[in-house]
Amino acid sequence: MRSYQDPCGIARALDRVGERWALLVVRELLLGPRRFTDLRAGLPSASPNVLSQRLRELEDAGVVQRRALAPPVAATVYELTPRGRDLEPVIVALARWGSRAVPLPRGELSPSALMIALRTTFDPGALSRGRLAVVLDGEPFSVEIARGALSVARGEPEAPDATITTTARTLRAVVFAGHEPRGVEIAGDAALATRFLGAFARPAPA
């Protein structure tokens, strides 16, 4: 790995996670473990070789680790180490800072990226509590709102108040572009789900 050879903490951090794609790999793992194929789907512009290299570098830096799932799954997943999870406030702060950057590039958000975007643009005055399952492109996420704060994790929540099923593209258009919720399926507490869909704001351009 290349190094800045600078003792500053910022430089030492960038020595470990400053290479192209590295922080986006962390983004994809922030909500839970992923297989290599899942990471490829979430980062389609990264070549398999580059993605493999970044994963090796992040493993060497103690940010990412591999884990073998028990049979019958028999798959290997990548997940953040405790030190890797310490990057969460950094990622969230970068997401908030970058959300105001213009122009907005073309392209779609991965389900993980979209759920992090929801977290960083949530209006705490719009909804104070609730538990929702959000299923994007077949992938479930657990959304918990308590005391005006929103948390997200990969996987299905227990006994959600409402379930929203759609695609990442559709949800992004509804939440951030004000489109009608066509193609959005709601089960359970429809009023809660509707308030949830309206609880996010597009940050003003910087």
N, C-alpha and C. Protein backbone atom coordinates (compact mmCIF):
# COMPACT_ATOMS: atom_id res chain seq x y z
N MET A 1 0.84 -1.19 0.00
CA MET A 1 0.00 0.00 0.00
C MET A 1 0.88 1.25 0.00
N ARG A 2 0.43 2.26 -0.74
CA ARG A 2 1.14 3.52 -0.76
C ARG A 2 0.89 4.26 0.55
N SER A 3 1.86 5.09 0.93
CA SER A 3 1.75 5.82 2.18
C SER A 3 2.16 7.26 1.96
N TYR A 4 1.49 8.15 2.69
CA TYR A 4 1.87 9.56 2.65
C TYR A 4 3.15 9.83 3.45
N GLN A 5 3.53 8.88 4.29
CA GLN A 5 4.71 9.06 5.15
C GLN A 5 4.58 10.36 5.96
N ASP A 6 3.38 10.56 6.48
CA ASP A 6 3.06 11.77 7.25
C ASP A 6 2.47 11.30 8.58
N PRO A 7 3.01 11.74 9.73
CA PRO A 7 2.51 11.25 11.02
C PRO A 7 1.15 11.80 11.43
N CYS A 8 0.62 12.77 10.68
CA CYS A 8 -0.71 13.31 10.99
C CYS A 8 -1.75 12.19 10.98
N GLY A 9 -2.71 12.25 11.92
CA GLY A 9 -3.74 11.22 11.99
C GLY A 9 -4.57 11.14 10.72
N ILE A 10 -4.82 12.27 10.07
CA ILE A 10 -5.58 12.26 8.82
C ILE A 10 -4.82 11.48 7.77
N ALA A 11 -3.53 11.74 7.64
CA ALA A 11 -2.72 11.04 6.65
C ALA A 11 -2.67 9.55 6.95
N ARG A 12 -2.53 9.20 8.22
CA ARG A 12 -2.47 7.77 8.58
C ARG A 12 -3.79 7.08 8.31
N ALA A 13 -4.90 7.80 8.49
CA ALA A 13 -6.21 7.23 8.14
C ALA A 13 -6.31 7.02 6.64
N LEU A 14 -5.88 8.01 5.86
CA LEU A 14 -5.94 7.89 4.41
C LEU A 14 -5.00 6.82 3.89
N ASP A 15 -3.91 6.56 4.60
CA ASP A 15 -3.04 5.44 4.23
C ASP A 15 -3.84 4.13 4.20
N ARG A 16 -4.86 4.04 5.03
CA ARG A 16 -5.61 2.78 5.18
C ARG A 16 -6.92 2.74 4.40
N VAL A 17 -7.58 3.89 4.27
CA VAL A 17 -8.89 3.87 3.61
C VAL A 17 -9.00 4.93 2.53
N GLY A 18 -7.88 5.50 2.10
CA GLY A 18 -7.93 6.60 1.15
C GLY A 18 -7.84 6.20 -0.31
N GLU A 19 -7.60 4.92 -0.60
CA GLU A 19 -7.54 4.50 -1.99
C GLU A 19 -8.94 4.51 -2.61
N ARG A 20 -8.98 4.69 -3.94
CA ARG A 20 -10.25 4.71 -4.67
C ARG A 20 -11.04 3.44 -4.37
N TRP A 21 -12.30 3.58 -4.09
CA TRP A 21 -13.28 2.54 -3.79
C TRP A 21 -13.25 2.07 -2.35
N ALA A 22 -12.21 2.37 -1.60
CA ALA A 22 -12.09 1.81 -0.25
C ALA A 22 -13.25 2.24 0.64
N LEU A 23 -13.53 3.52 0.69
CA LEU A 23 -14.61 3.98 1.57
C LEU A 23 -15.98 3.56 1.06
N LEU A 24 -16.10 3.36 -0.25
CA LEU A 24 -17.38 2.87 -0.77
C LEU A 24 -17.59 1.40 -0.42
N VAL A 25 -16.51 0.64 -0.32
CA VAL A 25 -16.62 -0.72 0.20
C VAL A 25 -17.11 -0.67 1.64
N VAL A 26 -16.54 0.22 2.44
CA VAL A 26 -16.99 0.39 3.82
C VAL A 26 -18.47 0.77 3.85
N ARG A 27 -18.87 1.66 2.95
CA ARG A 27 -20.29 2.05 2.86
C ARG A 27 -21.18 0.83 2.64
N GLU A 28 -20.79 -0.03 1.72
CA GLU A 28 -21.61 -1.20 1.41
C GLU A 28 -21.68 -2.18 2.58
N LEU A 29 -20.66 -2.18 3.43
CA LEU A 29 -20.62 -3.10 4.57
C LEU A 29 -21.17 -2.49 5.85
N LEU A 30 -21.47 -1.20 5.80
CA LEU A 30 -21.85 -0.50 7.02
C LEU A 30 -23.13 -1.05 7.64
N LEU A 31 -24.03 -1.55 6.82
CA LEU A 31 -25.32 -2.03 7.32
C LEU A 31 -25.35 -3.52 7.57
N GLY A 32 -24.22 -4.20 7.30
CA GLY A 32 -24.17 -5.63 7.56
C GLY A 32 -23.29 -6.37 6.56
N PRO A 33 -23.00 -7.65 6.82
CA PRO A 33 -22.09 -8.42 5.97
C PRO A 33 -22.60 -8.56 4.54
N ARG A 34 -21.63 -8.74 3.60
CA ARG A 34 -21.97 -8.91 2.18
C ARG A 34 -21.04 -9.95 1.57
N ARG A 35 -21.58 -10.70 0.61
CA ARG A 35 -20.76 -11.57 -0.20
C ARG A 35 -20.04 -10.74 -1.27
N PHE A 36 -19.03 -11.32 -1.88
CA PHE A 36 -18.30 -10.60 -2.93
C PHE A 36 -19.25 -10.21 -4.06
N THR A 37 -20.14 -11.13 -4.43
CA THR A 37 -21.09 -10.82 -5.51
C THR A 37 -22.01 -9.67 -5.13
N ASP A 38 -22.38 -9.57 -3.85
CA ASP A 38 -23.22 -8.46 -3.39
C ASP A 38 -22.45 -7.14 -3.50
N LEU A 39 -21.18 -7.17 -3.13
CA LEU A 39 -20.36 -5.97 -3.24
C LEU A 39 -20.20 -5.56 -4.70
N ARG A 40 -20.05 -6.52 -5.59
CA ARG A 40 -19.96 -6.20 -7.01
C ARG A 40 -21.24 -5.55 -7.50
N ALA A 41 -22.38 -6.04 -7.03
CA ALA A 41 -23.66 -5.45 -7.44
C ALA A 41 -23.80 -4.03 -6.92
N GLY A 42 -23.31 -3.78 -5.71
CA GLY A 42 -23.42 -2.45 -5.13
C GLY A 42 -22.42 -1.47 -5.68
N LEU A 43 -21.32 -1.98 -6.27
CA LEU A 43 -20.27 -1.14 -6.83
C LEU A 43 -19.99 -1.60 -8.26
N PRO A 44 -20.95 -1.45 -9.16
CA PRO A 44 -20.81 -2.04 -10.49
C PRO A 44 -19.69 -1.43 -11.33
N SER A 45 -19.24 -0.22 -10.99
CA SER A 45 -18.17 0.41 -11.78
C SER A 45 -16.78 -0.02 -11.35
N ALA A 46 -16.69 -0.74 -10.24
CA ALA A 46 -15.39 -1.25 -9.77
C ALA A 46 -15.15 -2.62 -10.40
N SER A 47 -14.01 -2.80 -11.03
CA SER A 47 -13.71 -4.09 -11.64
C SER A 47 -13.50 -5.13 -10.55
N PRO A 48 -13.73 -6.41 -10.87
CA PRO A 48 -13.50 -7.46 -9.87
C PRO A 48 -12.09 -7.45 -9.30
N ASN A 49 -11.10 -7.19 -10.15
CA ASN A 49 -9.71 -7.17 -9.66
C ASN A 49 -9.47 -6.03 -8.68
N VAL A 50 -9.98 -4.86 -9.01
CA VAL A 50 -9.80 -3.71 -8.12
C VAL A 50 -10.54 -3.95 -6.80
N LEU A 51 -11.76 -4.48 -6.89
CA LEU A 51 -12.52 -4.74 -5.67
C LEU A 51 -11.80 -5.76 -4.79
N SER A 52 -11.26 -6.81 -5.40
CA SER A 52 -10.51 -7.81 -4.63
C SER A 52 -9.30 -7.19 -3.95
N GLN A 53 -8.61 -6.31 -4.68
CA GLN A 53 -7.44 -5.66 -4.11
C GLN A 53 -7.81 -4.77 -2.94
N ARG A 54 -8.89 -4.01 -3.09
CA ARG A 54 -9.31 -3.14 -1.99
C ARG A 54 -9.71 -3.96 -0.76
N LEU A 55 -10.37 -5.06 -0.98
CA LEU A 55 -10.76 -5.90 0.15
C LEU A 55 -9.53 -6.45 0.87
N ARG A 56 -8.52 -6.86 0.10
CA ARG A 56 -7.29 -7.35 0.73
C ARG A 56 -6.62 -6.25 1.54
N GLU A 57 -6.58 -5.05 0.97
CA GLU A 57 -5.95 -3.93 1.66
C GLU A 57 -6.72 -3.58 2.93
N LEU A 58 -8.04 -3.60 2.86
CA LEU A 58 -8.84 -3.28 4.04
C LEU A 58 -8.72 -4.37 5.10
N GLU A 59 -8.56 -5.62 4.66
CA GLU A 59 -8.30 -6.69 5.62
C GLU A 59 -6.95 -6.47 6.30
N ASP A 60 -5.94 -6.16 5.51
CA ASP A 60 -4.60 -5.92 6.07
C ASP A 60 -4.61 -4.75 7.06
N ALA A 61 -5.48 -3.76 6.80
CA ALA A 61 -5.55 -2.59 7.67
C ALA A 61 -6.43 -2.83 8.90
N GLY A 62 -7.02 -4.01 9.00
CA GLY A 62 -7.86 -4.31 10.15
C GLY A 62 -9.23 -3.68 10.10
N VAL A 63 -9.66 -3.29 8.89
CA VAL A 63 -10.97 -2.64 8.72
C VAL A 63 -12.05 -3.65 8.36
N VAL A 64 -11.68 -4.66 7.58
CA VAL A 64 -12.63 -5.66 7.07
C VAL A 64 -12.10 -7.04 7.44
N GLN A 65 -13.02 -7.97 7.66
CA GLN A 65 -12.63 -9.36 7.89
C GLN A 65 -13.57 -10.28 7.12
N ARG A 66 -13.08 -11.48 6.83
CA ARG A 66 -13.89 -12.49 6.16
C ARG A 66 -14.44 -13.47 7.17
N ARG A 67 -15.64 -13.98 6.87
CA ARG A 67 -16.25 -14.97 7.77
C ARG A 67 -16.99 -15.99 6.93
N ALA A 68 -16.82 -17.26 7.25
CA ALA A 68 -17.51 -18.34 6.54
C ALA A 68 -18.84 -18.60 7.23
N LEU A 69 -19.91 -18.57 6.45
CA LEU A 69 -21.22 -18.86 7.00
C LEU A 69 -21.40 -20.36 7.16
N ALA A 70 -22.16 -20.75 8.16
CA ALA A 70 -22.38 -22.17 8.44
C ALA A 70 -23.26 -22.80 7.36
N PRO A 71 -23.11 -24.12 7.12
CA PRO A 71 -23.99 -24.82 6.19
C PRO A 71 -25.45 -24.66 6.65
N PRO A 72 -26.42 -24.70 5.75
CA PRO A 72 -26.26 -25.03 4.32
C PRO A 72 -25.86 -23.86 3.43
N VAL A 73 -25.66 -22.67 4.00
CA VAL A 73 -25.31 -21.53 3.16
C VAL A 73 -23.94 -21.72 2.52
N ALA A 74 -22.96 -22.06 3.35
CA ALA A 74 -21.60 -22.36 2.87
C ALA A 74 -21.06 -21.26 1.96
N ALA A 75 -21.16 -20.04 2.41
CA ALA A 75 -20.65 -18.90 1.65
C ALA A 75 -19.72 -18.08 2.54
N THR A 76 -18.86 -17.31 1.91
CA THR A 76 -17.96 -16.42 2.63
C THR A 76 -18.49 -15.00 2.49
N VAL A 77 -18.54 -14.29 3.61
CA VAL A 77 -19.00 -12.90 3.59
C VAL A 77 -17.89 -12.01 4.13
N TYR A 78 -17.95 -10.77 3.73
CA TYR A 78 -17.06 -9.73 4.25
C TYR A 78 -17.86 -8.87 5.22
N GLU A 79 -17.22 -8.47 6.30
CA GLU A 79 -17.88 -7.63 7.28
C GLU A 79 -16.86 -6.69 7.91
N LEU A 80 -17.36 -5.62 8.49
CA LEU A 80 -16.49 -4.67 9.16
C LEU A 80 -16.04 -5.22 10.50
N THR A 81 -14.81 -4.98 10.84
CA THR A 81 -14.30 -5.27 12.17
C THR A 81 -14.78 -4.16 13.12
N PRO A 82 -14.59 -4.31 14.42
CA PRO A 82 -14.93 -3.20 15.32
C PRO A 82 -14.23 -1.90 14.92
N ARG A 83 -12.98 -1.99 14.49
CA ARG A 83 -12.29 -0.78 14.04
C ARG A 83 -12.92 -0.23 12.76
N GLY A 84 -13.35 -1.13 11.91
CA GLY A 84 -14.04 -0.68 10.70
C GLY A 84 -15.36 0.01 11.02
N ARG A 85 -16.09 -0.52 12.00
CA ARG A 85 -17.37 0.10 12.38
C ARG A 85 -17.16 1.48 13.00
N ASP A 86 -15.95 1.72 13.51
CA ASP A 86 -15.65 3.06 14.03
C ASP A 86 -15.70 4.12 12.93
N LEU A 87 -15.67 3.69 11.67
CA LEU A 87 -15.75 4.64 10.56
C LEU A 87 -17.17 5.13 10.29
N GLU A 88 -18.16 4.57 10.98
CA GLU A 88 -19.56 4.94 10.69
C GLU A 88 -19.80 6.44 10.77
N PRO A 89 -19.41 7.13 11.87
CA PRO A 89 -19.67 8.58 11.88
C PRO A 89 -18.92 9.33 10.79
N VAL A 90 -17.77 8.80 10.37
CA VAL A 90 -17.03 9.43 9.28
C VAL A 90 -17.83 9.31 7.98
N ILE A 91 -18.33 8.11 7.70
CA ILE A 91 -19.11 7.88 6.49
C ILE A 91 -20.37 8.73 6.49
N VAL A 92 -21.07 8.78 7.62
CA VAL A 92 -22.31 9.56 7.71
C VAL A 92 -22.01 11.04 7.51
N ALA A 93 -20.94 11.53 8.12
CA ALA A 93 -20.58 12.94 7.95
C ALA A 93 -20.21 13.24 6.50
N LEU A 94 -19.46 12.35 5.85
CA LEU A 94 -19.13 12.53 4.45
C LEU A 94 -20.38 12.52 3.58
N ALA A 95 -21.33 11.64 3.91
CA ALA A 95 -22.56 11.58 3.14
C ALA A 95 -23.33 12.89 3.24
N ARG A 96 -23.41 13.45 4.44
CA ARG A 96 -24.10 14.72 4.61
C ARG A 96 -23.38 15.84 3.85
N TRP A 97 -22.06 15.87 3.94
CA TRP A 97 -21.27 16.89 3.28
C TRP A 97 -21.39 16.77 1.76
N GLY A 98 -21.27 15.55 1.26
CA GLY A 98 -21.31 15.33 -0.17
C GLY A 98 -22.68 15.48 -0.78
N SER A 99 -23.75 15.34 0.02
CA SER A 99 -25.10 15.44 -0.52
C SER A 99 -25.42 16.83 -1.05
N ARG A 100 -24.62 17.80 -0.69
CA ARG A 100 -24.86 19.17 -1.15
C ARG A 100 -24.00 19.52 -2.37
N ALA A 101 -23.16 18.58 -2.80
CA ALA A 101 -22.27 18.84 -3.93
C ALA A 101 -23.05 18.83 -5.24
N VAL A 102 -22.70 19.74 -6.13
CA VAL A 102 -23.31 19.82 -7.45
C VAL A 102 -22.21 19.83 -8.51
N PRO A 103 -22.51 19.34 -9.73
CA PRO A 103 -23.78 18.77 -10.17
C PRO A 103 -23.96 17.35 -9.64
N LEU A 104 -25.19 16.85 -9.72
CA LEU A 104 -25.49 15.50 -9.26
C LEU A 104 -25.14 14.51 -10.38
N PRO A 105 -24.21 13.58 -10.14
CA PRO A 105 -23.85 12.63 -11.20
C PRO A 105 -25.02 11.73 -11.58
N ARG A 106 -25.00 11.30 -12.83
CA ARG A 106 -25.98 10.31 -13.26
C ARG A 106 -25.62 8.97 -12.65
N GLY A 107 -26.59 8.09 -12.63
CA GLY A 107 -26.35 6.77 -12.05
C GLY A 107 -27.32 6.51 -10.92
N GLU A 108 -27.39 5.26 -10.54
CA GLU A 108 -28.32 4.83 -9.50
C GLU A 108 -27.60 4.60 -8.18
N LEU A 109 -28.33 4.75 -7.10
CA LEU A 109 -27.81 4.42 -5.78
C LEU A 109 -28.03 2.94 -5.51
N SER A 110 -27.05 2.30 -4.91
CA SER A 110 -27.26 0.94 -4.44
C SER A 110 -28.25 0.97 -3.28
N PRO A 111 -28.91 -0.13 -2.98
CA PRO A 111 -29.81 -0.14 -1.83
C PRO A 111 -29.12 0.33 -0.54
N SER A 112 -27.88 -0.10 -0.31
CA SER A 112 -27.17 0.33 0.90
C SER A 112 -26.93 1.83 0.89
N ALA A 113 -26.48 2.36 -0.26
CA ALA A 113 -26.22 3.79 -0.36
C ALA A 113 -27.50 4.58 -0.15
N LEU A 114 -28.62 4.10 -0.68
CA LEU A 114 -29.88 4.81 -0.52
C LEU A 114 -30.33 4.81 0.94
N MET A 115 -30.17 3.68 1.62
CA MET A 115 -30.59 3.64 3.02
C MET A 115 -29.73 4.57 3.88
N ILE A 116 -28.45 4.69 3.56
CA ILE A 116 -27.60 5.63 4.28
C ILE A 116 -28.02 7.06 3.96
N ALA A 117 -28.40 7.31 2.69
CA ALA A 117 -28.90 8.63 2.32
C ALA A 117 -30.17 8.98 3.09
N LEU A 118 -31.03 8.00 3.30
CA LEU A 118 -32.24 8.25 4.09
C LEU A 118 -31.87 8.62 5.52
N ARG A 119 -30.88 7.94 6.05
CA ARG A 119 -30.46 8.24 7.42
C ARG A 119 -29.93 9.65 7.54
N THR A 120 -29.17 10.09 6.54
CA THR A 120 -28.52 11.40 6.64
C THR A 120 -29.45 12.55 6.29
N THR A 121 -30.61 12.27 5.69
CA THR A 121 -31.54 13.35 5.34
C THR A 121 -32.84 13.27 6.12
N PHE A 122 -32.91 12.40 7.11
CA PHE A 122 -34.14 12.23 7.89
C PHE A 122 -34.46 13.49 8.69
N ASP A 123 -35.71 13.90 8.63
CA ASP A 123 -36.19 15.05 9.39
C ASP A 123 -36.76 14.55 10.71
N PRO A 124 -36.09 14.77 11.84
CA PRO A 124 -36.56 14.23 13.11
C PRO A 124 -37.90 14.82 13.55
N GLY A 125 -38.27 15.95 12.98
CA GLY A 125 -39.56 16.53 13.34
C GLY A 125 -40.73 15.91 12.60
N ALA A 126 -40.44 15.09 11.60
CA ALA A 126 -41.51 14.51 10.78
C ALA A 126 -42.06 13.22 11.37
N LEU A 127 -41.24 12.51 12.14
CA LEU A 127 -41.65 11.21 12.65
C LEU A 127 -40.84 10.92 13.90
N SER A 128 -41.52 10.59 14.99
CA SER A 128 -40.81 10.40 16.25
C SER A 128 -40.53 8.95 16.59
N ARG A 129 -41.36 8.04 16.07
CA ARG A 129 -41.14 6.63 16.40
C ARG A 129 -41.78 5.74 15.36
N GLY A 130 -41.30 4.50 15.30
CA GLY A 130 -41.87 3.52 14.39
C GLY A 130 -40.83 2.49 14.00
N ARG A 131 -41.30 1.34 13.58
CA ARG A 131 -40.42 0.26 13.12
C ARG A 131 -40.93 -0.20 11.76
N LEU A 132 -40.05 -0.12 10.77
CA LEU A 132 -40.45 -0.47 9.42
C LEU A 132 -39.49 -1.48 8.80
N ALA A 133 -40.03 -2.29 7.93
CA ALA A 133 -39.21 -3.11 7.04
C ALA A 133 -39.25 -2.44 5.67
N VAL A 134 -38.08 -2.18 5.11
CA VAL A 134 -37.99 -1.60 3.77
C VAL A 134 -37.27 -2.62 2.89
N VAL A 135 -37.97 -3.10 1.89
CA VAL A 135 -37.43 -4.13 1.00
C VAL A 135 -37.14 -3.48 -0.34
N LEU A 136 -35.85 -3.40 -0.70
CA LEU A 136 -35.42 -2.75 -1.93
C LEU A 136 -34.79 -3.78 -2.86
N ASP A 137 -35.38 -3.95 -4.03
CA ASP A 137 -34.84 -4.91 -5.00
C ASP A 137 -34.68 -6.29 -4.37
N GLY A 138 -35.63 -6.64 -3.50
CA GLY A 138 -35.62 -7.94 -2.85
C GLY A 138 -34.76 -8.03 -1.61
N GLU A 139 -34.08 -6.95 -1.25
CA GLU A 139 -33.19 -6.96 -0.08
C GLU A 139 -33.85 -6.24 1.09
N PRO A 140 -34.03 -6.92 2.22
CA PRO A 140 -34.72 -6.30 3.36
C PRO A 140 -33.80 -5.48 4.25
N PHE A 141 -34.33 -4.38 4.74
CA PHE A 141 -33.64 -3.53 5.71
C PHE A 141 -34.59 -3.26 6.87
N SER A 142 -34.00 -3.19 8.04
CA SER A 142 -34.75 -2.87 9.25
C SER A 142 -34.53 -1.39 9.58
N VAL A 143 -35.64 -0.66 9.72
CA VAL A 143 -35.57 0.77 10.03
C VAL A 143 -36.25 1.00 11.37
N GLU A 144 -35.52 1.59 12.28
CA GLU A 144 -36.04 1.89 13.62
C GLU A 144 -35.98 3.40 13.84
N ILE A 145 -37.11 3.97 14.22
CA ILE A 145 -37.18 5.40 14.53
C ILE A 145 -37.57 5.53 15.99
N ALA A 146 -36.73 6.16 16.76
CA ALA A 146 -36.98 6.35 18.19
C ALA A 146 -36.41 7.69 18.62
N ARG A 147 -37.21 8.44 19.33
CA ARG A 147 -36.80 9.77 19.81
C ARG A 147 -36.28 10.66 18.67
N GLY A 148 -36.91 10.53 17.53
CA GLY A 148 -36.56 11.37 16.41
C GLY A 148 -35.31 10.99 15.67
N ALA A 149 -34.68 9.86 16.03
CA ALA A 149 -33.47 9.40 15.35
C ALA A 149 -33.79 8.15 14.54
N LEU A 150 -33.16 8.03 13.38
CA LEU A 150 -33.40 6.89 12.49
C LEU A 150 -32.14 6.02 12.43
N SER A 151 -32.33 4.72 12.64
CA SER A 151 -31.23 3.77 12.49
C SER A 151 -31.63 2.71 11.47
N VAL A 152 -30.63 2.20 10.78
CA VAL A 152 -30.86 1.24 9.70
C VAL A 152 -29.92 0.06 9.85
N ALA A 153 -30.42 -1.14 9.58
CA ALA A 153 -29.58 -2.34 9.57
C ALA A 153 -30.08 -3.25 8.46
N ARG A 154 -29.19 -4.08 7.95
CA ARG A 154 -29.58 -5.04 6.93
C ARG A 154 -30.31 -6.21 7.59
N GLY A 155 -31.41 -6.65 6.98
CA GLY A 155 -32.17 -7.76 7.53
C GLY A 155 -33.58 -7.34 7.89
N GLU A 156 -34.41 -8.31 8.16
CA GLU A 156 -35.81 -8.05 8.47
C GLU A 156 -36.00 -7.78 9.96
N PRO A 157 -36.75 -6.74 10.31
CA PRO A 157 -37.03 -6.47 11.73
C PRO A 157 -38.10 -7.41 12.25
N GLU A 158 -38.13 -7.56 13.55
CA GLU A 158 -39.18 -8.36 14.16
C GLU A 158 -40.44 -7.50 14.31
N ALA A 159 -41.56 -8.03 13.87
CA ALA A 159 -42.87 -7.40 14.02
C ALA A 159 -42.85 -5.93 13.61
N PRO A 160 -42.55 -5.61 12.34
CA PRO A 160 -42.56 -4.22 11.92
C PRO A 160 -43.97 -3.65 11.92
N ASP A 161 -44.07 -2.35 12.16
CA ASP A 161 -45.37 -1.68 12.10
C ASP A 161 -45.86 -1.57 10.66
N ALA A 162 -44.92 -1.45 9.73
CA ALA A 162 -45.26 -1.32 8.31
C ALA A 162 -44.12 -1.89 7.48
N THR A 163 -44.47 -2.35 6.29
CA THR A 163 -43.48 -2.86 5.35
C THR A 163 -43.64 -2.13 4.03
N ILE A 164 -42.52 -1.61 3.51
CA ILE A 164 -42.49 -0.93 2.23
C ILE A 164 -41.65 -1.76 1.28
N THR A 165 -42.23 -2.14 0.14
CA THR A 165 -41.54 -2.96 -0.84
C THR A 165 -41.51 -2.24 -2.17
N THR A 166 -40.32 -2.05 -2.72
CA THR A 166 -40.18 -1.34 -3.99
C THR A 166 -38.76 -1.55 -4.50
N THR A 167 -38.34 -0.74 -5.45
CA THR A 167 -36.96 -0.76 -5.92
C THR A 167 -36.22 0.46 -5.38
N ALA A 168 -34.89 0.38 -5.37
CA ALA A 168 -34.10 1.53 -4.92
C ALA A 168 -34.37 2.73 -5.81
N ARG A 169 -34.49 2.53 -7.10
CA ARG A 169 -34.74 3.64 -8.03
C ARG A 169 -36.08 4.30 -7.73
N THR A 170 -37.11 3.50 -7.50
CA THR A 170 -38.43 4.06 -7.23
C THR A 170 -38.46 4.82 -5.91
N LEU A 171 -37.88 4.22 -4.86
CA LEU A 171 -37.90 4.89 -3.57
C LEU A 171 -37.12 6.20 -3.62
N ARG A 172 -36.02 6.21 -4.31
CA ARG A 172 -35.25 7.45 -4.45
C ARG A 172 -36.08 8.53 -5.14
N ALA A 173 -36.80 8.14 -6.19
CA ALA A 173 -37.62 9.11 -6.93
C ALA A 173 -38.76 9.64 -6.07
N VAL A 174 -39.35 8.77 -5.26
CA VAL A 174 -40.46 9.19 -4.39
C VAL A 174 -39.96 10.11 -3.29
N VAL A 175 -38.87 9.72 -2.64
CA VAL A 175 -38.39 10.44 -1.46
C VAL A 175 -37.72 11.76 -1.83
N PHE A 176 -36.86 11.73 -2.86
CA PHE A 176 -36.04 12.89 -3.15
C PHE A 176 -36.49 13.72 -4.35
N ALA A 177 -37.35 13.15 -5.20
CA ALA A 177 -37.82 13.89 -6.36
C ALA A 177 -39.31 14.18 -6.31
N GLY A 178 -39.98 13.72 -5.26
CA GLY A 178 -41.40 14.03 -5.10
C GLY A 178 -42.33 13.30 -6.03
N HIS A 179 -41.88 12.17 -6.61
CA HIS A 179 -42.75 11.40 -7.50
C HIS A 179 -43.89 10.74 -6.72
N GLU A 180 -44.95 10.47 -7.43
CA GLU A 180 -46.05 9.70 -6.83
C GLU A 180 -45.55 8.29 -6.50
N PRO A 181 -46.04 7.73 -5.40
CA PRO A 181 -45.53 6.41 -4.98
C PRO A 181 -46.06 5.24 -5.80
N ARG A 182 -46.02 5.36 -7.11
CA ARG A 182 -46.40 4.23 -7.96
C ARG A 182 -45.29 3.19 -7.92
N GLY A 183 -45.68 1.94 -7.82
CA GLY A 183 -44.70 0.89 -7.71
C GLY A 183 -44.19 0.67 -6.30
N VAL A 184 -44.84 1.30 -5.33
CA VAL A 184 -44.49 1.12 -3.92
C VAL A 184 -45.61 0.33 -3.25
N GLU A 185 -45.28 -0.83 -2.72
CA GLU A 185 -46.26 -1.65 -2.01
C GLU A 185 -46.11 -1.41 -0.51
N ILE A 186 -47.24 -1.19 0.15
CA ILE A 186 -47.24 -0.92 1.58
C ILE A 186 -48.12 -1.94 2.27
N ALA A 187 -47.60 -2.54 3.33
CA ALA A 187 -48.37 -3.46 4.16
C ALA A 187 -48.28 -2.98 5.60
N GLY A 188 -49.36 -3.21 6.35
CA GLY A 188 -49.36 -2.77 7.75
C GLY A 188 -49.89 -1.36 7.89
N ASP A 189 -49.24 -0.58 8.73
CA ASP A 189 -49.69 0.77 9.06
C ASP A 189 -49.39 1.71 7.88
N ALA A 190 -50.41 1.91 7.03
CA ALA A 190 -50.21 2.73 5.84
C ALA A 190 -49.94 4.19 6.19
N ALA A 191 -50.54 4.68 7.25
CA ALA A 191 -50.32 6.07 7.65
C ALA A 191 -48.87 6.29 8.06
N LEU A 192 -48.32 5.35 8.82
CA LEU A 192 -46.92 5.44 9.23
C LEU A 192 -46.01 5.39 8.01
N ALA A 193 -46.27 4.46 7.09
CA ALA A 193 -45.44 4.33 5.90
C ALA A 193 -45.48 5.60 5.06
N THR A 194 -46.65 6.20 4.93
CA THR A 194 -46.79 7.43 4.15
C THR A 194 -46.02 8.57 4.81
N ARG A 195 -46.10 8.68 6.12
CA ARG A 195 -45.34 9.72 6.82
C ARG A 195 -43.85 9.48 6.67
N PHE A 196 -43.45 8.22 6.70
CA PHE A 196 -42.03 7.88 6.53
C PHE A 196 -41.53 8.34 5.16
N LEU A 197 -42.31 8.10 4.12
CA LEU A 197 -41.90 8.47 2.77
C LEU A 197 -41.75 9.98 2.61
N GLY A 198 -42.43 10.73 3.47
CA GLY A 198 -42.35 12.18 3.39
C GLY A 198 -41.44 12.81 4.44
N ALA A 199 -40.62 11.97 5.08
CA ALA A 199 -39.81 12.46 6.22
C ALA A 199 -38.37 12.79 5.84
N PHE A 200 -38.11 13.02 4.54
CA PHE A 200 -36.76 13.25 4.09
C PHE A 200 -36.71 14.49 3.18
N ALA A 201 -35.60 15.19 3.24
CA ALA A 201 -35.46 16.41 2.45
C ALA A 201 -34.16 16.39 1.67
N ARG A 202 -34.21 16.90 0.44
CA ARG A 202 -33.00 17.02 -0.35
C ARG A 202 -32.21 18.22 0.14
N PRO A 203 -30.95 18.02 0.56
CA PRO A 203 -30.17 19.17 1.06
C PRO A 203 -29.98 20.24 -0.01
N ALA A 204 -29.96 21.50 0.41
CA ALA A 204 -29.75 22.60 -0.50
C ALA A 204 -28.34 22.52 -1.09
N PRO A 205 -28.18 22.76 -2.39
CA PRO A 205 -26.83 22.70 -2.99
C PRO A 205 -25.87 23.68 -2.31
N ALA A 206 -24.63 23.27 -2.19
CA ALA A 206 -23.63 24.13 -1.57
C ALA A 206 -23.20 25.21 -2.56
